[in-house]
Amino acid sequence: MTLYSIYEKAEPKSGFDAVPLAVPEKFSWAAALLTPLYALTQGLWLLLLFWCVLAGALIYASGVIGDEVASAIYVLVSVFTGFEAPALKRDALIWRGYAYRGDII
């Protein structure tokens, strides 16, 4: 079973804002495998910035630490991002003015 967190706009300005949003609490394969695209589609700009900086730093540091270690760090951060994607999305919704209304299983 999947736990969903329900969010809705405190003061909706249009019909679309009145629809509650459900955020599933589960591993996100899209966030783990396609992090930049996931960040763009979900509006997670800080995640996108972090990912670009991380990729650039790993490319730069791979000459010093080795390609295997750089790849392992990339995979570890990708898996971590997959697990943390629901929390990042919930934080983004709260930042945009959505209010937490409860959980549904």
N, C-alpha and C. Protein backbone atom coordinates (compact mmCIF):
# COMPACT_ATOMS: atom_id res chain seq x y z
N MET A 1 0.82 -1.18 0.00
CA MET A 1 0.00 0.00 0.00
C MET A 1 0.87 1.25 0.00
N THR A 2 0.39 2.25 -0.64
CA THR A 2 1.11 3.51 -0.74
C THR A 2 0.39 4.57 0.09
N LEU A 3 1.16 5.33 0.83
CA LEU A 3 0.64 6.44 1.61
C LEU A 3 0.72 7.70 0.75
N TYR A 4 -0.38 8.44 0.69
CA TYR A 4 -0.44 9.68 -0.08
C TYR A 4 -0.65 10.85 0.87
N SER A 5 0.11 11.91 0.69
CA SER A 5 -0.11 13.16 1.42
C SER A 5 -0.96 14.07 0.54
N ILE A 6 -2.01 14.64 1.13
CA ILE A 6 -2.95 15.45 0.38
C ILE A 6 -2.69 16.92 0.68
N TYR A 7 -2.59 17.72 -0.37
CA TYR A 7 -2.36 19.16 -0.27
C TYR A 7 -3.39 19.88 -1.12
N GLU A 8 -3.84 21.03 -0.62
CA GLU A 8 -4.73 21.87 -1.43
C GLU A 8 -4.41 23.33 -1.18
N LYS A 9 -4.72 24.14 -2.14
CA LYS A 9 -4.45 25.57 -2.08
C LYS A 9 -5.31 26.20 -0.99
N ALA A 10 -4.69 27.03 -0.16
CA ALA A 10 -5.42 27.67 0.93
C ALA A 10 -6.49 28.62 0.39
N GLU A 11 -6.13 29.43 -0.60
CA GLU A 11 -7.07 30.36 -1.22
C GLU A 11 -6.98 30.20 -2.73
N PRO A 12 -7.75 29.25 -3.30
CA PRO A 12 -7.66 29.03 -4.75
C PRO A 12 -8.12 30.23 -5.55
N LYS A 13 -7.35 30.55 -6.62
CA LYS A 13 -7.68 31.68 -7.49
C LYS A 13 -8.44 31.24 -8.74
N SER A 14 -8.36 29.94 -9.06
CA SER A 14 -9.07 29.43 -10.23
C SER A 14 -9.56 28.03 -9.92
N GLY A 15 -10.25 27.45 -10.87
CA GLY A 15 -10.78 26.10 -10.69
C GLY A 15 -9.69 25.05 -10.57
N PHE A 16 -8.58 25.27 -11.28
CA PHE A 16 -7.48 24.31 -11.24
C PHE A 16 -6.81 24.30 -9.87
N ASP A 17 -6.70 25.46 -9.23
CA ASP A 17 -6.08 25.54 -7.91
C ASP A 17 -6.92 24.88 -6.83
N ALA A 18 -8.23 24.73 -7.07
CA ALA A 18 -9.11 24.14 -6.07
C ALA A 18 -8.98 22.62 -5.99
N VAL A 19 -8.34 22.00 -6.97
CA VAL A 19 -8.18 20.55 -6.99
C VAL A 19 -7.06 20.16 -6.03
N PRO A 20 -7.33 19.26 -5.08
CA PRO A 20 -6.26 18.84 -4.17
C PRO A 20 -5.22 17.99 -4.91
N LEU A 21 -3.98 18.04 -4.43
CA LEU A 21 -2.90 17.27 -5.02
C LEU A 21 -2.47 16.17 -4.05
N ALA A 22 -2.18 15.00 -4.59
CA ALA A 22 -1.74 13.86 -3.78
C ALA A 22 -0.29 13.56 -4.13
N VAL A 23 0.55 13.47 -3.09
CA VAL A 23 1.96 13.16 -3.27
C VAL A 23 2.21 11.77 -2.69
N PRO A 24 2.56 10.78 -3.54
CA PRO A 24 2.79 9.43 -3.02
C PRO A 24 4.12 9.35 -2.27
N GLU A 25 4.11 8.61 -1.17
CA GLU A 25 5.31 8.41 -0.38
C GLU A 25 5.95 7.09 -0.81
N LYS A 26 6.67 7.15 -1.92
CA LYS A 26 7.35 5.96 -2.44
C LYS A 26 8.56 6.38 -3.26
N PHE A 27 9.39 5.41 -3.55
CA PHE A 27 10.59 5.65 -4.34
C PHE A 27 10.19 6.13 -5.74
N SER A 28 10.85 7.17 -6.22
CA SER A 28 10.56 7.72 -7.54
C SER A 28 11.65 7.31 -8.52
N TRP A 29 11.30 6.42 -9.44
CA TRP A 29 12.26 5.99 -10.45
C TRP A 29 12.60 7.14 -11.40
N ALA A 30 11.63 7.98 -11.68
CA ALA A 30 11.89 9.11 -12.57
C ALA A 30 12.91 10.06 -11.95
N ALA A 31 12.79 10.30 -10.66
CA ALA A 31 13.74 11.19 -9.98
C ALA A 31 15.12 10.56 -9.90
N ALA A 32 15.19 9.25 -9.77
CA ALA A 32 16.48 8.58 -9.67
C ALA A 32 17.19 8.47 -11.02
N LEU A 33 16.44 8.17 -12.07
CA LEU A 33 17.06 7.92 -13.37
C LEU A 33 17.17 9.17 -14.24
N LEU A 34 16.19 10.06 -14.14
CA LEU A 34 16.15 11.26 -14.99
C LEU A 34 15.99 12.50 -14.12
N THR A 35 16.92 12.71 -13.22
CA THR A 35 16.79 13.79 -12.24
C THR A 35 16.60 15.17 -12.86
N PRO A 36 17.38 15.58 -13.86
CA PRO A 36 17.16 16.92 -14.42
C PRO A 36 15.76 17.09 -15.04
N LEU A 37 15.28 16.08 -15.74
CA LEU A 37 13.94 16.17 -16.33
C LEU A 37 12.86 16.17 -15.25
N TYR A 38 13.05 15.35 -14.23
CA TYR A 38 12.11 15.32 -13.11
C TYR A 38 12.06 16.69 -12.43
N ALA A 39 13.21 17.28 -12.18
CA ALA A 39 13.27 18.58 -11.53
C ALA A 39 12.58 19.65 -12.39
N LEU A 40 12.78 19.61 -13.69
CA LEU A 40 12.12 20.58 -14.59
C LEU A 40 10.61 20.42 -14.59
N THR A 41 10.13 19.18 -14.68
CA THR A 41 8.68 18.96 -14.77
C THR A 41 7.98 19.26 -13.45
N GLN A 42 8.66 19.09 -12.33
CA GLN A 42 8.04 19.33 -11.03
C GLN A 42 8.30 20.74 -10.50
N GLY A 43 9.11 21.52 -11.20
CA GLY A 43 9.41 22.88 -10.77
C GLY A 43 10.36 22.94 -9.59
N LEU A 44 11.23 21.96 -9.46
CA LEU A 44 12.19 21.89 -8.35
C LEU A 44 13.51 22.50 -8.82
N TRP A 45 13.57 23.83 -8.81
CA TRP A 45 14.71 24.54 -9.38
C TRP A 45 15.98 24.36 -8.56
N LEU A 46 15.87 24.29 -7.25
CA LEU A 46 17.07 24.08 -6.43
C LEU A 46 17.66 22.69 -6.66
N LEU A 47 16.80 21.69 -6.85
CA LEU A 47 17.29 20.35 -7.16
C LEU A 47 18.01 20.35 -8.51
N LEU A 48 17.46 21.05 -9.49
CA LEU A 48 18.11 21.13 -10.79
C LEU A 48 19.47 21.82 -10.69
N LEU A 49 19.53 22.90 -9.95
CA LEU A 49 20.80 23.60 -9.74
C LEU A 49 21.81 22.71 -9.02
N PHE A 50 21.37 22.02 -7.98
CA PHE A 50 22.25 21.11 -7.25
C PHE A 50 22.77 20.01 -8.18
N TRP A 51 21.88 19.46 -9.00
CA TRP A 51 22.29 18.37 -9.88
C TRP A 51 23.30 18.83 -10.92
N CYS A 52 23.11 20.00 -11.47
CA CYS A 52 24.07 20.52 -12.45
C CYS A 52 25.43 20.78 -11.81
N VAL A 53 25.43 21.34 -10.60
CA VAL A 53 26.69 21.57 -9.89
C VAL A 53 27.36 20.24 -9.56
N LEU A 54 26.59 19.27 -9.10
CA LEU A 54 27.15 17.95 -8.78
C LEU A 54 27.74 17.29 -10.01
N ALA A 55 27.03 17.30 -11.12
CA ALA A 55 27.53 16.67 -12.34
C ALA A 55 28.82 17.35 -12.81
N GLY A 56 28.84 18.67 -12.78
CA GLY A 56 30.05 19.39 -13.16
C GLY A 56 31.22 19.09 -12.22
N ALA A 57 30.94 19.04 -10.93
CA ALA A 57 32.00 18.74 -9.96
C ALA A 57 32.53 17.32 -10.13
N LEU A 58 31.66 16.38 -10.41
CA LEU A 58 32.11 14.99 -10.61
C LEU A 58 32.92 14.84 -11.89
N ILE A 59 32.52 15.56 -12.93
CA ILE A 59 33.30 15.51 -14.17
C ILE A 59 34.68 16.11 -13.94
N TYR A 60 34.72 17.22 -13.22
CA TYR A 60 35.99 17.88 -12.93
C TYR A 60 36.86 17.01 -12.01
N ALA A 61 36.26 16.40 -11.00
CA ALA A 61 37.02 15.63 -10.01
C ALA A 61 37.34 14.22 -10.46
N SER A 62 36.74 13.75 -11.53
CA SER A 62 36.98 12.36 -11.95
C SER A 62 38.43 12.12 -12.35
N GLY A 63 39.12 13.15 -12.76
CA GLY A 63 40.53 13.01 -13.09
C GLY A 63 41.38 12.73 -11.85
N VAL A 64 40.93 13.24 -10.71
CA VAL A 64 41.67 13.07 -9.46
C VAL A 64 41.23 11.82 -8.71
N ILE A 65 39.91 11.64 -8.54
CA ILE A 65 39.41 10.54 -7.73
C ILE A 65 39.18 9.27 -8.54
N GLY A 66 39.16 9.37 -9.84
CA GLY A 66 38.95 8.20 -10.69
C GLY A 66 37.52 8.11 -11.18
N ASP A 67 37.37 7.50 -12.33
CA ASP A 67 36.04 7.38 -12.94
C ASP A 67 35.12 6.47 -12.14
N GLU A 68 35.66 5.40 -11.54
CA GLU A 68 34.84 4.46 -10.79
C GLU A 68 34.24 5.12 -9.55
N VAL A 69 35.05 5.89 -8.84
CA VAL A 69 34.57 6.57 -7.64
C VAL A 69 33.56 7.65 -8.02
N ALA A 70 33.81 8.39 -9.07
CA ALA A 70 32.86 9.42 -9.52
C ALA A 70 31.53 8.79 -9.92
N SER A 71 31.59 7.65 -10.60
CA SER A 71 30.36 6.95 -10.99
C SER A 71 29.61 6.44 -9.76
N ALA A 72 30.34 5.92 -8.78
CA ALA A 72 29.70 5.43 -7.56
C ALA A 72 29.02 6.56 -6.80
N ILE A 73 29.66 7.72 -6.72
CA ILE A 73 29.05 8.87 -6.06
C ILE A 73 27.80 9.30 -6.81
N TYR A 74 27.86 9.30 -8.13
CA TYR A 74 26.70 9.67 -8.96
C TYR A 74 25.52 8.72 -8.70
N VAL A 75 25.80 7.42 -8.64
CA VAL A 75 24.75 6.44 -8.40
C VAL A 75 24.16 6.60 -7.00
N LEU A 76 25.01 6.82 -6.00
CA LEU A 76 24.52 7.00 -4.63
C LEU A 76 23.63 8.23 -4.52
N VAL A 77 24.03 9.32 -5.13
CA VAL A 77 23.21 10.53 -5.08
C VAL A 77 21.91 10.33 -5.87
N SER A 78 21.95 9.58 -6.95
CA SER A 78 20.74 9.29 -7.72
C SER A 78 19.74 8.48 -6.89
N VAL A 79 20.22 7.47 -6.20
CA VAL A 79 19.35 6.66 -5.35
C VAL A 79 18.78 7.51 -4.21
N PHE A 80 19.61 8.32 -3.60
CA PHE A 80 19.15 9.22 -2.54
C PHE A 80 18.07 10.17 -3.06
N THR A 81 18.26 10.70 -4.26
CA THR A 81 17.27 11.59 -4.86
C THR A 81 15.95 10.86 -5.10
N GLY A 82 16.02 9.60 -5.52
CA GLY A 82 14.80 8.81 -5.71
C GLY A 82 14.01 8.64 -4.43
N PHE A 83 14.71 8.44 -3.32
CA PHE A 83 14.03 8.29 -2.04
C PHE A 83 13.52 9.62 -1.50
N GLU A 84 14.21 10.71 -1.77
CA GLU A 84 13.84 12.02 -1.23
C GLU A 84 12.91 12.81 -2.14
N ALA A 85 12.58 12.31 -3.31
CA ALA A 85 11.73 13.05 -4.24
C ALA A 85 10.37 13.42 -3.66
N PRO A 86 9.67 12.54 -2.92
CA PRO A 86 8.39 12.98 -2.34
C PRO A 86 8.55 14.13 -1.35
N ALA A 87 9.59 14.10 -0.55
CA ALA A 87 9.81 15.18 0.42
C ALA A 87 10.11 16.49 -0.30
N LEU A 88 10.89 16.44 -1.37
CA LEU A 88 11.18 17.65 -2.14
C LEU A 88 9.92 18.22 -2.77
N LYS A 89 9.06 17.33 -3.27
CA LYS A 89 7.82 17.79 -3.89
C LYS A 89 6.87 18.38 -2.85
N ARG A 90 6.79 17.77 -1.67
CA ARG A 90 5.95 18.32 -0.60
C ARG A 90 6.43 19.70 -0.18
N ASP A 91 7.74 19.85 -0.03
CA ASP A 91 8.29 21.15 0.35
C ASP A 91 8.00 22.21 -0.72
N ALA A 92 8.08 21.82 -1.99
CA ALA A 92 7.78 22.76 -3.07
C ALA A 92 6.31 23.17 -3.06
N LEU A 93 5.42 22.23 -2.75
CA LEU A 93 4.00 22.57 -2.68
C LEU A 93 3.72 23.54 -1.53
N ILE A 94 4.34 23.31 -0.39
CA ILE A 94 4.16 24.21 0.75
C ILE A 94 4.69 25.60 0.40
N TRP A 95 5.82 25.64 -0.30
CA TRP A 95 6.40 26.92 -0.71
C TRP A 95 5.46 27.69 -1.65
N ARG A 96 4.72 26.95 -2.46
CA ARG A 96 3.80 27.57 -3.43
C ARG A 96 2.44 27.93 -2.83
N GLY A 97 2.27 27.73 -1.54
CA GLY A 97 1.03 28.13 -0.90
C GLY A 97 0.02 27.03 -0.67
N TYR A 98 0.38 25.80 -0.86
CA TYR A 98 -0.52 24.68 -0.61
C TYR A 98 -0.45 24.33 0.87
N ALA A 99 -1.56 23.85 1.41
CA ALA A 99 -1.64 23.47 2.81
C ALA A 99 -1.82 21.97 2.92
N TYR A 100 -1.18 21.39 3.91
CA TYR A 100 -1.30 19.94 4.17
C TYR A 100 -2.67 19.66 4.76
N ARG A 101 -3.38 18.70 4.18
CA ARG A 101 -4.74 18.38 4.64
C ARG A 101 -4.86 17.00 5.27
N GLY A 102 -3.89 16.13 5.08
CA GLY A 102 -3.98 14.80 5.67
C GLY A 102 -3.33 13.75 4.81
N ASP A 103 -3.46 12.51 5.26
CA ASP A 103 -2.90 11.36 4.55
C ASP A 103 -4.01 10.38 4.17
N ILE A 104 -3.78 9.69 3.07
CA ILE A 104 -4.70 8.65 2.62
C ILE A 104 -3.86 7.42 2.26
N ILE A 105 -4.37 6.27 2.64
CA ILE A 105 -3.67 5.02 2.28
C ILE A 105 -4.39 4.39 1.12
